[in-house]
Amino acid sequence: MQNRNALPRVFTLFAAFIIYCMISLVWTVSLPDTWYRIGVYLQLFAMMWMLWQLRKDMPHWRLLQAYVVGCSISAGWTIVNYFHGISREHESWDTKRYAAPGFDENDMALTLSIGIPIAVYLATAAAAKLRSQWLYICYLPLAGIAILLTASRGGFLAMITAVLATVFLSLRASVAARMGIVIITIISSVAALNVAPSKSLGRLQSIPQQLAQGNLAHRRVVWQLGIEQWKNHPIIGVGAGAFRIAVSESYGEAIVAHSIYVGMLVDGGIVGAGIFGAILIASLGSLRRLPLQGRTLWITVLLTWGVGVASLSWDYRKITWLIIGLIACHVDEVKNLRKAAFAKQGPLLNYLAGGMIRDGRPAKLLHASRGASR
């Protein structure tokens, strides 16, 4: 008999990844950075474990609601900072950039972009009330304007990915929800173009040129130096978190990878990057147990994340591991609901009503199983 409290495979893989980081203390080029990174990973593992323990008392959609609310506050604060002229400036920037206090502009943009498919998912859920639907839909213009104010090119590409992918999330929504999404998207686009500073829009318009010929704010140089370091340590890497020191001599100063893919490859080599890739593959593989709308949600979130982290070092950021933890909780919730429905309704009725369990929230035919998730 399978243990209901058994941890999903991603936890085992994450533990293996942390152990490998600990072993890298033997060959790391920077002991202080590797120790620090190990400490961060242990904290993130504890966060995922606590999230897993909460899954029985808090359904996945409650956690998603909390994420959207948090993003809404940050987006609103960014807009307030813009109207008050509170911005961050850097000598290498050609425009003012805005974000909520405590946020880097690029991190902020990707965080808000990930909230877009989550908000659409909540708005189009079968059990969502009309008032709640419109509240979730209103997040779209709020996030869109805030992302433009950050003037983050990587965040803007992530937002475009999220918006295009959410088309599939809205296919099964009500007519009112679909119309609301279309209307709000049009209004928010017009509002964002009128509110955002012309220099911010100009920076975003430079994306094609930067991708084709530019240095991507010196990222291309950093990546090339990182690949050179990886060639010297292809199998085991330079040590967890040691990228910045490994390239410092060639670059002239310590600098992070600005790409989760390059950073993982250089820090952990083929072995470390392979374990991290296995974690992502395990999360993707578990999605087959979810109904269509749930699968679409997490594939969209992972696509948005994947585009954004191409220019960000998010392997040690909370949201990366929060996404992985939420997927595990969602899959477990749906699995338990199906078991409860099977026991309550019987095999035949449960099979015939299999499509009525939508993303962990049973439809009317399976009301009896609703209590199993609470």
Protein backbone atom coordinates (compact mmCIF):
# COMPACT_ATOMS: atom_id res chain seq x y z
CA MET A 1 0.00 0.00 0.00
CA GLN A 2 1.36 3.41 -1.02
CA ASN A 3 2.14 5.86 1.77
CA ARG A 4 0.02 8.98 1.35
CA ASN A 5 2.62 11.06 3.19
CA ALA A 6 5.46 9.96 0.91
CA LEU A 7 7.28 12.90 -0.64
CA PRO A 8 7.10 13.32 -4.42
CA ARG A 9 10.09 12.52 -6.61
CA VAL A 10 11.05 16.20 -6.95
CA PHE A 11 11.89 16.30 -3.23
CA THR A 12 14.24 13.34 -3.57
CA LEU A 13 15.91 14.94 -6.58
CA PHE A 14 16.21 18.30 -4.82
CA ALA A 15 17.82 16.55 -1.84
CA ALA A 16 20.25 14.84 -4.22
CA PHE A 17 21.02 18.21 -5.79
CA ILE A 18 21.80 19.73 -2.37
CA ILE A 19 24.03 16.77 -1.48
CA TYR A 20 25.92 17.27 -4.75
CA CYS A 21 26.37 20.95 -3.90
CA MET A 22 27.81 19.90 -0.54
CA ILE A 23 30.23 17.52 -2.25
CA SER A 24 31.35 20.38 -4.50
CA LEU A 25 32.95 21.96 -1.41
CA VAL A 26 35.88 19.65 -2.21
CA TRP A 27 36.71 21.37 -5.52
CA THR A 28 34.93 24.74 -5.45
CA VAL A 29 36.88 27.84 -6.45
CA SER A 30 35.09 29.86 -3.75
CA LEU A 31 34.31 28.21 -0.41
CA PRO A 32 32.33 31.18 1.02
CA ASP A 33 30.03 31.35 -2.03
CA THR A 34 29.44 27.61 -2.05
CA TRP A 35 28.64 27.52 1.66
CA TYR A 36 26.23 30.43 1.21
CA ARG A 37 24.50 28.77 -1.75
CA ILE A 38 24.11 25.50 0.19
CA GLY A 39 22.44 27.44 3.01
CA VAL A 40 20.02 29.06 0.55
CA TYR A 41 19.12 25.71 -1.01
CA LEU A 42 18.46 24.21 2.43
CA GLN A 43 16.08 27.08 3.21
CA LEU A 44 14.29 26.57 -0.11
CA PHE A 45 13.97 22.84 0.59
CA ALA A 46 12.42 23.69 3.97
CA MET A 47 9.99 26.07 2.24
CA MET A 48 8.90 23.35 -0.17
CA TRP A 49 8.50 20.86 2.68
CA MET A 50 6.30 23.29 4.65
CA LEU A 51 4.22 23.91 1.54
CA TRP A 52 3.78 20.16 1.18
CA GLN A 53 2.64 19.87 4.79
CA LEU A 54 0.04 22.61 4.24
CA ARG A 55 -1.51 20.95 1.18
CA LYS A 56 -4.18 19.09 3.20
CA ASP A 57 -5.48 22.25 4.88
CA MET A 58 -5.09 24.69 1.99
CA PRO A 59 -6.17 23.73 -1.55
CA HIS A 60 -3.94 24.78 -4.42
CA TRP A 61 -6.24 27.55 -5.62
CA ARG A 62 -5.96 29.30 -2.26
CA LEU A 63 -2.20 29.39 -2.65
CA LEU A 64 -2.58 30.70 -6.20
CA GLN A 65 -4.92 33.41 -4.93
CA ALA A 66 -2.28 34.48 -2.41
CA TYR A 67 0.30 34.73 -5.21
CA VAL A 68 -1.94 36.94 -7.35
CA VAL A 69 -2.79 39.18 -4.38
CA GLY A 70 0.89 39.61 -3.59
CA CYS A 71 1.69 40.41 -7.22
CA SER A 72 -1.17 42.93 -7.34
CA ILE A 73 0.23 44.79 -4.35
CA SER A 74 3.72 44.87 -5.88
CA ALA A 75 2.39 46.00 -9.26
CA GLY A 76 0.30 48.74 -7.65
CA TRP A 77 3.29 49.92 -5.62
CA THR A 78 5.36 50.10 -8.81
CA ILE A 79 2.77 52.32 -10.46
CA VAL A 80 2.59 54.54 -7.37
CA ASN A 81 6.39 54.90 -7.43
CA TYR A 82 6.17 55.98 -11.07
CA PHE A 83 3.68 58.75 -10.36
CA HIS A 84 5.81 59.90 -7.41
CA GLY A 85 8.98 59.84 -9.49
CA ILE A 86 10.68 57.21 -7.30
CA SER A 87 12.97 55.25 -9.61
CA ARG A 88 16.32 53.52 -9.72
CA GLU A 89 18.99 54.92 -12.01
CA HIS A 90 22.30 53.48 -13.13
CA GLU A 91 25.04 55.05 -15.19
CA SER A 92 24.69 52.30 -17.82
CA TRP A 93 20.92 52.78 -18.14
CA ASP A 94 19.45 55.18 -20.65
CA THR A 95 16.09 55.37 -18.88
CA LYS A 96 14.51 55.43 -15.44
CA ARG A 97 13.18 52.10 -14.24
CA TYR A 98 10.54 51.48 -11.60
CA ALA A 99 9.78 48.63 -9.21
CA ALA A 100 8.27 47.97 -5.80
CA PRO A 101 10.61 48.46 -2.81
CA GLY A 102 13.02 45.57 -2.33
CA PHE A 103 12.63 44.32 -5.90
CA ASP A 104 15.09 44.27 -8.76
CA GLU A 105 13.31 45.47 -11.91
CA ASN A 106 14.04 42.29 -13.87
CA ASP A 107 12.98 40.01 -11.02
CA MET A 108 9.85 42.10 -10.58
CA ALA A 109 8.86 41.83 -14.23
CA LEU A 110 9.18 38.04 -14.31
CA THR A 111 7.35 37.63 -11.00
CA LEU A 112 4.39 39.62 -12.36
CA SER A 113 4.48 37.78 -15.71
CA ILE A 114 4.14 34.42 -13.95
CA GLY A 115 1.05 35.81 -12.21
CA ILE A 116 -0.73 36.39 -15.55
CA PRO A 117 -1.55 32.74 -16.40
CA ILE A 118 -2.37 32.11 -12.73
CA ALA A 119 -4.88 34.99 -12.71
CA VAL A 120 -6.48 33.78 -15.97
CA TYR A 121 -6.70 30.23 -14.58
CA LEU A 122 -8.48 31.47 -11.45
CA ALA A 123 -10.80 33.69 -13.52
CA THR A 124 -11.80 30.83 -15.80
CA ALA A 125 -12.21 28.17 -13.09
CA ALA A 126 -15.57 26.42 -13.18
CA ALA A 127 -16.37 27.34 -9.58
CA ALA A 128 -15.23 30.99 -9.80
CA LYS A 129 -17.93 33.57 -9.08
CA LEU A 130 -18.52 36.44 -11.51
CA ARG A 131 -17.23 39.05 -9.06
CA SER A 132 -14.05 37.05 -8.45
CA GLN A 133 -13.57 36.56 -12.19
CA TRP A 134 -13.46 40.28 -12.81
CA LEU A 135 -11.05 40.85 -9.93
CA TYR A 136 -8.64 38.32 -11.40
CA ILE A 137 -9.06 39.76 -14.90
CA CYS A 138 -8.24 43.24 -13.58
CA TYR A 139 -4.83 41.92 -12.60
CA LEU A 140 -3.89 41.78 -16.29
CA PRO A 141 -3.73 45.55 -16.94
CA LEU A 142 -2.18 46.16 -13.55
CA ALA A 143 0.63 43.70 -14.24
CA GLY A 144 1.06 44.82 -17.85
CA ILE A 145 1.57 48.49 -16.93
CA ALA A 146 3.94 47.61 -14.09
CA ILE A 147 6.03 45.35 -16.34
CA LEU A 148 6.41 48.13 -18.90
CA LEU A 149 7.49 50.51 -16.13
CA THR A 150 10.28 48.11 -15.13
CA ALA A 151 11.62 48.43 -18.70
CA SER A 152 12.85 44.84 -18.38
CA ARG A 153 13.42 43.28 -21.78
CA GLY A 154 13.54 39.73 -20.47
CA GLY A 155 10.43 40.37 -18.36
CA PHE A 156 8.62 41.81 -21.39
CA LEU A 157 9.38 38.69 -23.45
CA ALA A 158 8.13 36.56 -20.56
CA MET A 159 4.93 38.62 -20.43
CA ILE A 160 4.36 38.12 -24.18
CA THR A 161 4.86 34.38 -23.69
CA ALA A 162 2.38 34.37 -20.82
CA VAL A 163 -0.25 36.34 -22.75
CA LEU A 164 -0.02 34.14 -25.85
CA ALA A 165 -0.08 30.93 -23.84
CA THR A 166 -3.08 31.96 -21.75
CA VAL A 167 -5.22 31.82 -24.89
CA PHE A 168 -5.41 28.06 -24.28
CA LEU A 169 -6.43 28.61 -20.65
CA SER A 170 -9.42 30.72 -21.69
CA LEU A 171 -10.78 28.27 -24.28
CA ARG A 172 -12.96 26.50 -21.70
CA ALA A 173 -14.00 29.69 -19.90
CA SER A 174 -17.48 31.17 -19.95
CA VAL A 175 -18.40 33.67 -22.66
CA ALA A 176 -18.43 36.50 -20.09
CA ALA A 177 -14.93 35.58 -18.88
CA ARG A 178 -13.55 35.37 -22.43
CA MET A 179 -15.10 38.71 -23.37
CA GLY A 180 -13.75 40.23 -20.18
CA ILE A 181 -10.23 39.03 -20.94
CA VAL A 182 -10.35 40.41 -24.49
CA ILE A 183 -11.77 43.79 -23.40
CA ILE A 184 -9.36 44.18 -20.50
CA THR A 185 -6.40 43.17 -22.67
CA ILE A 186 -7.25 45.82 -25.26
CA ILE A 187 -7.84 48.51 -22.64
CA SER A 188 -4.69 47.61 -20.72
CA SER A 189 -2.59 47.67 -23.89
CA VAL A 190 -3.79 51.17 -24.77
CA ALA A 191 -3.38 52.37 -21.17
CA ALA A 192 0.11 50.88 -20.85
CA LEU A 193 1.31 52.50 -24.07
CA ASN A 194 0.05 55.88 -22.88
CA VAL A 195 1.33 55.60 -19.31
CA ALA A 196 4.77 54.08 -19.88
CA PRO A 197 7.60 56.58 -20.51
CA SER A 198 8.78 56.81 -24.11
CA LYS A 199 12.34 55.83 -23.07
CA SER A 200 11.04 52.66 -21.45
CA LEU A 201 9.16 51.76 -24.63
CA GLY A 202 12.26 52.58 -26.65
CA ARG A 203 14.31 50.20 -24.51
CA LEU A 204 11.78 47.43 -25.13
CA GLN A 205 11.74 48.16 -28.86
CA SER A 206 15.48 47.50 -28.93
CA ILE A 207 14.93 43.80 -28.13
CA PRO A 208 15.26 42.54 -31.77
CA GLN A 209 18.46 44.54 -32.29
CA GLN A 210 19.94 43.37 -28.97
CA LEU A 211 19.14 39.74 -29.76
CA ALA A 212 20.66 39.99 -33.23
CA GLN A 213 23.72 42.19 -32.70
CA GLY A 214 23.81 43.64 -29.19
CA ASN A 215 25.59 42.46 -26.07
CA LEU A 216 22.35 42.18 -24.03
CA ALA A 217 23.62 44.59 -21.36
CA HIS A 218 27.00 42.79 -21.28
CA ARG A 219 25.29 39.43 -20.67
CA ARG A 220 26.66 37.92 -23.86
CA VAL A 221 30.22 38.59 -22.69
CA VAL A 222 29.46 37.08 -19.26
CA TRP A 223 27.97 33.97 -20.88
CA GLN A 224 30.99 33.52 -23.15
CA LEU A 225 33.34 33.75 -20.18
CA GLY A 226 31.14 31.30 -18.29
CA ILE A 227 31.25 28.78 -21.14
CA GLU A 228 35.05 29.06 -21.18
CA GLN A 229 35.07 28.19 -17.47
CA TRP A 230 32.72 25.27 -18.10
CA LYS A 231 35.08 23.90 -20.75
CA ASN A 232 37.75 23.71 -18.06
CA HIS A 233 35.40 21.89 -15.65
CA PRO A 234 32.78 20.22 -17.89
CA ILE A 235 31.73 17.33 -15.66
CA ILE A 236 31.67 18.63 -12.07
CA GLY A 237 31.68 22.41 -12.57
CA VAL A 238 33.45 25.11 -10.54
CA GLY A 239 31.33 24.59 -7.41
CA ALA A 240 27.84 25.63 -6.31
CA GLY A 241 27.42 29.41 -6.40
CA ALA A 242 31.03 29.96 -7.53
CA PHE A 243 30.26 31.36 -11.01
CA ARG A 244 30.83 34.97 -9.98
CA ILE A 245 34.33 34.25 -8.68
CA ALA A 246 35.22 31.92 -11.55
CA VAL A 247 34.68 34.66 -14.16
CA SER A 248 35.86 37.60 -12.03
CA GLU A 249 39.47 37.47 -13.20
CA SER A 250 38.51 37.55 -16.88
CA TYR A 251 35.60 39.98 -16.53
CA GLY A 252 37.30 42.34 -14.10
CA GLU A 253 34.76 42.00 -11.29
CA ALA A 254 32.56 39.39 -9.64
CA ILE A 255 29.26 39.03 -11.50
CA VAL A 256 26.41 36.52 -11.50
CA ALA A 257 25.59 34.43 -14.57
CA HIS A 258 22.42 36.34 -15.54
CA SER A 259 21.10 33.04 -16.93
CA ILE A 260 19.94 30.03 -14.99
CA TYR A 261 21.04 27.74 -17.83
CA VAL A 262 24.61 29.04 -18.09
CA GLY A 263 24.89 29.41 -14.32
CA MET A 264 23.78 25.84 -13.62
CA LEU A 265 26.13 24.42 -16.24
CA VAL A 266 29.15 26.33 -14.94
CA ASP A 267 28.42 25.83 -11.22
CA GLY A 268 27.49 22.15 -11.31
CA GLY A 269 28.85 20.94 -14.61
CA ILE A 270 27.00 18.26 -16.52
CA VAL A 271 26.22 16.38 -13.29
CA GLY A 272 24.67 19.33 -11.41
CA ALA A 273 22.82 20.66 -14.45
CA GLY A 274 21.57 17.13 -15.13
CA ILE A 275 20.10 16.78 -11.63
CA PHE A 276 18.41 20.17 -11.91
CA GLY A 277 17.06 19.21 -15.33
CA ALA A 278 15.72 15.97 -13.84
CA ILE A 279 13.78 18.02 -11.27
CA LEU A 280 12.11 20.01 -14.05
CA ILE A 281 11.40 16.86 -16.08
CA ALA A 282 9.87 15.18 -13.02
CA SER A 283 7.59 18.20 -12.49
CA LEU A 284 6.54 18.19 -16.13
CA GLY A 285 5.96 14.44 -16.07
CA SER A 286 3.66 14.70 -13.07
CA LEU A 287 1.35 17.04 -15.00
CA ARG A 288 -0.12 14.11 -16.91
CA ARG A 289 -2.14 13.32 -13.78
CA LEU A 290 -3.91 16.69 -13.92
CA PRO A 291 -7.01 17.60 -15.91
CA LEU A 292 -6.51 19.63 -19.09
CA GLN A 293 -6.91 23.07 -17.52
CA GLY A 294 -4.45 22.27 -14.75
CA ARG A 295 -1.88 20.91 -17.20
CA THR A 296 -2.27 24.01 -19.37
CA LEU A 297 -1.80 26.29 -16.37
CA TRP A 298 1.51 24.79 -15.27
CA ILE A 299 2.89 24.35 -18.77
CA THR A 300 2.15 28.04 -19.35
CA VAL A 301 3.77 29.01 -16.04
CA LEU A 302 6.86 26.92 -16.80
CA LEU A 303 7.11 28.37 -20.32
CA THR A 304 6.91 31.91 -18.92
CA TRP A 305 9.48 31.04 -16.27
CA GLY A 306 11.74 29.38 -18.86
CA VAL A 307 11.79 32.48 -21.07
CA GLY A 308 12.40 34.84 -18.14
CA VAL A 309 15.22 32.90 -16.48
CA ALA A 310 17.19 32.78 -19.72
CA SER A 311 18.55 36.17 -18.59
CA LEU A 312 18.21 35.76 -14.80
CA SER A 313 19.97 33.66 -12.16
CA TRP A 314 16.85 32.21 -10.55
CA ASP A 315 18.17 28.81 -9.50
CA TYR A 316 18.32 30.05 -5.90
CA ARG A 317 15.22 32.28 -5.99
CA LYS A 318 12.10 31.37 -4.03
CA ILE A 319 9.66 31.53 -6.93
CA THR A 320 11.47 28.83 -8.92
CA TRP A 321 11.06 26.34 -6.10
CA LEU A 322 7.62 27.68 -5.18
CA ILE A 323 6.40 26.75 -8.66
CA ILE A 324 7.84 23.23 -8.33
CA GLY A 325 6.28 22.85 -4.88
CA LEU A 326 2.87 24.10 -6.03
CA ILE A 327 2.85 21.64 -8.91
CA ALA A 328 3.53 18.79 -6.49
CA CYS A 329 0.73 19.94 -4.17
CA HIS A 330 -1.74 20.34 -7.03
CA VAL A 331 -1.01 16.87 -8.39
CA ASP A 332 -1.38 15.29 -4.95
CA GLU A 333 -4.66 17.14 -4.34
CA VAL A 334 -6.22 15.90 -7.57
CA LYS A 335 -4.97 12.36 -6.91
CA ASN A 336 -6.59 12.32 -3.46
CA LEU A 337 -9.86 13.73 -4.82
CA ARG A 338 -10.02 11.02 -7.44
CA LYS A 339 -9.39 8.36 -4.81
CA ALA A 340 -12.15 9.82 -2.63
CA ALA A 341 -14.54 9.96 -5.59
CA PHE A 342 -13.69 6.38 -6.52
CA ALA A 343 -14.45 5.18 -3.00
CA LYS A 344 -17.64 7.26 -2.70
CA GLN A 345 -19.20 6.84 -6.13
CA GLY A 346 -17.88 3.46 -7.23
CA PRO A 347 -15.63 2.53 -10.16
CA LEU A 348 -18.17 2.83 -12.99
CA LEU A 349 -19.67 6.18 -11.98
CA ASN A 350 -16.24 7.57 -11.21
CA TYR A 351 -15.02 6.52 -14.66
CA LEU A 352 -18.02 8.09 -16.37
CA ALA A 353 -17.59 11.29 -14.34
CA GLY A 354 -13.81 11.43 -14.67
CA GLY A 355 -13.98 14.62 -16.68
CA MET A 356 -16.01 16.32 -13.95
CA ILE A 357 -13.04 16.59 -11.59
CA ARG A 358 -11.46 19.80 -12.71
CA ASP A 359 -8.14 20.80 -11.24
CA GLY A 360 -8.83 19.50 -7.79
CA ARG A 361 -12.32 21.06 -7.53
CA PRO A 362 -15.03 18.47 -8.22
CA ALA A 363 -18.10 19.39 -10.21
CA LYS A 364 -21.70 18.89 -9.03
CA LEU A 365 -21.83 15.16 -9.74
CA LEU A 366 -18.95 14.61 -7.31
CA HIS A 367 -19.97 17.01 -4.54
CA ALA A 368 -19.44 14.23 -2.03
CA SER A 369 -15.71 14.25 -2.72
CA ARG A 370 -15.36 18.00 -2.18
CA GLY A 371 -15.00 17.50 1.53
CA ALA A 372 -12.02 15.23 0.99
CA SER A 373 -9.89 18.20 -0.08
CA ARG A 374 -10.65 20.28 2.96
